[in-house]
Amino acid sequence: MIAWGNTTDRILLLLAEEPMTKAEVCRRLDLAHDQVANVLTRLRRTKRIYIADYTRHAVWGRTYLRAVYAAGNKKDVQKPAALTASERSSRSHQKRMMIKQNVIFRKRDETTRFMEG
């Protein structure tokens, strides 16, 4: 067996408990992204972990596809297809509506403060 160190063991134990994304592993173990990424890559090459699922995370209005890792020697799940044009359009419409609603609420709050004061 190759001696990879304590970080590898901690990540393997964590992924044996429950599947999680790279960012979740970083937060749970309080490790840097690069450090976790290197270990996950090494573990995937040696077939000690696999991609159990993919999840979409929204960050600042953008949606990113994230791999969910799990301990074991199973085959990786297939990466989902990119969003279709209609799905992208729908998300864009939802974002515009949220912005519009927020502006309306802000103006209403400013008006009531002006009337009260």
Protein backbone atom coordinates (compact mmCIF):
# COMPACT_ATOMS: atom_id res chain seq x y z
CA MET A 1 0.00 0.00 0.00
CA ILE A 2 1.21 3.52 -0.83
CA ALA A 3 1.69 5.83 2.15
CA TRP A 4 -0.15 8.99 1.15
CA GLY A 5 -0.58 10.47 4.57
CA ASN A 6 -3.23 11.58 6.97
CA THR A 7 -5.14 13.85 4.55
CA THR A 8 -5.92 10.97 2.22
CA ASP A 9 -7.16 8.82 5.09
CA ARG A 10 -9.34 11.63 6.41
CA ILE A 11 -10.91 12.19 2.98
CA LEU A 12 -11.53 8.46 2.48
CA LEU A 13 -13.19 8.16 5.90
CA LEU A 14 -15.36 11.19 5.18
CA LEU A 15 -16.46 9.89 1.78
CA ALA A 16 -17.18 6.46 3.28
CA GLU A 17 -19.72 8.13 5.60
CA GLU A 18 -21.55 10.03 2.85
CA PRO A 19 -20.94 11.19 -0.73
CA MET A 20 -20.02 14.87 -1.09
CA THR A 21 -18.60 17.45 -3.45
CA LYS A 22 -15.03 18.72 -3.40
CA ALA A 23 -16.16 22.00 -1.80
CA GLU A 24 -17.99 20.12 0.96
CA VAL A 25 -14.86 18.05 1.68
CA CYS A 26 -12.82 21.27 1.88
CA ARG A 27 -15.26 22.82 4.36
CA ARG A 28 -15.63 19.72 6.54
CA LEU A 29 -11.88 19.11 6.83
CA ASP A 30 -10.82 22.78 6.72
CA LEU A 31 -8.38 22.14 3.88
CA ALA A 32 -7.36 24.18 0.85
CA HIS A 33 -9.08 23.48 -2.49
CA ASP A 34 -5.82 22.56 -4.26
CA GLN A 35 -4.86 20.11 -1.54
CA VAL A 36 -8.23 18.32 -1.71
CA ALA A 37 -8.27 18.38 -5.54
CA ASN A 38 -4.86 16.67 -5.70
CA VAL A 39 -5.89 13.93 -3.30
CA LEU A 40 -9.23 13.34 -5.04
CA THR A 41 -7.49 13.04 -8.41
CA ARG A 42 -5.01 10.54 -6.99
CA LEU A 43 -7.79 8.52 -5.34
CA ARG A 44 -9.82 8.40 -8.58
CA ARG A 45 -6.82 7.20 -10.57
CA THR A 46 -6.29 4.33 -8.13
CA LYS A 47 -10.04 3.51 -8.18
CA ARG A 48 -10.57 4.14 -4.46
CA ILE A 49 -13.32 6.72 -5.05
CA TYR A 50 -15.78 7.34 -7.87
CA ILE A 51 -18.23 10.01 -9.03
CA ALA A 52 -21.57 8.94 -7.60
CA ASP A 53 -23.62 11.85 -8.92
CA TYR A 54 -23.53 15.42 -10.23
CA THR A 55 -25.24 18.41 -8.67
CA ARG A 56 -25.81 21.97 -9.85
CA HIS A 57 -24.69 24.80 -7.56
CA ALA A 58 -25.67 28.41 -8.10
CA VAL A 59 -22.99 31.01 -7.40
CA TRP A 60 -23.63 34.70 -8.07
CA GLY A 61 -26.39 33.93 -10.53
CA ARG A 62 -24.42 31.31 -12.47
CA THR A 63 -25.00 27.57 -12.26
CA TYR A 64 -22.06 25.17 -12.06
CA LEU A 65 -22.07 21.39 -12.37
CA ARG A 66 -20.25 19.75 -9.43
CA ALA A 67 -19.18 16.12 -9.09
CA VAL A 68 -20.31 14.24 -5.96
CA TYR A 69 -17.62 11.79 -4.84
CA ALA A 70 -18.10 8.56 -2.87
CA ALA A 71 -15.73 5.90 -1.55
CA GLY A 72 -15.63 2.66 -3.51
CA ASN A 73 -14.61 1.07 -6.77
CA LYS A 74 -17.74 1.60 -8.86
CA LYS A 75 -18.04 3.07 -12.32
CA ASP A 76 -18.48 6.87 -12.52
CA VAL A 77 -21.98 8.04 -13.42
CA GLN A 78 -22.36 9.70 -16.78
CA LYS A 79 -22.05 13.48 -16.76
CA PRO A 80 -25.43 15.10 -17.45
CA ALA A 81 -26.00 16.98 -20.66
CA ALA A 82 -25.67 20.74 -20.75
CA LEU A 83 -28.79 22.85 -20.26
CA THR A 84 -30.94 23.22 -23.35
CA ALA A 85 -31.68 26.63 -24.84
CA SER A 86 -35.18 26.63 -23.32
CA GLU A 87 -33.81 25.74 -19.85
CA ARG A 88 -31.24 28.56 -20.10
CA SER A 89 -33.96 30.95 -21.24
CA SER A 90 -36.21 29.92 -18.34
CA ARG A 91 -33.41 30.49 -15.80
CA SER A 92 -32.63 33.86 -17.34
CA HIS A 93 -36.29 34.86 -17.11
CA GLN A 94 -36.44 33.80 -13.45
CA LYS A 95 -33.33 35.89 -12.65
CA ARG A 96 -34.80 38.96 -14.38
CA MET A 97 -38.06 38.56 -12.47
CA MET A 98 -36.23 38.30 -9.13
CA ILE A 99 -34.26 41.46 -9.89
CA LYS A 100 -37.41 43.26 -10.91
CA GLN A 101 -39.21 42.22 -7.71
CA ASN A 102 -36.28 43.26 -5.54
CA VAL A 103 -36.23 46.73 -7.11
CA ILE A 104 -39.97 47.11 -6.52
CA PHE A 105 -39.65 46.07 -2.88
CA ARG A 106 -36.73 48.44 -2.32
CA LYS A 107 -38.69 51.36 -3.77
CA ARG A 108 -41.73 50.51 -1.66
CA ASP A 109 -39.59 50.36 1.50
CA GLU A 110 -37.99 53.72 0.68
CA THR A 111 -41.43 55.26 0.08
CA THR A 112 -42.83 54.02 3.40
CA ARG A 113 -39.75 55.28 5.26
CA PHE A 114 -40.18 58.66 3.59
CA MET A 115 -43.87 58.80 4.58
CA GLU A 116 -43.17 57.72 8.17
CA GLY A 117 -40.33 60.16 8.73
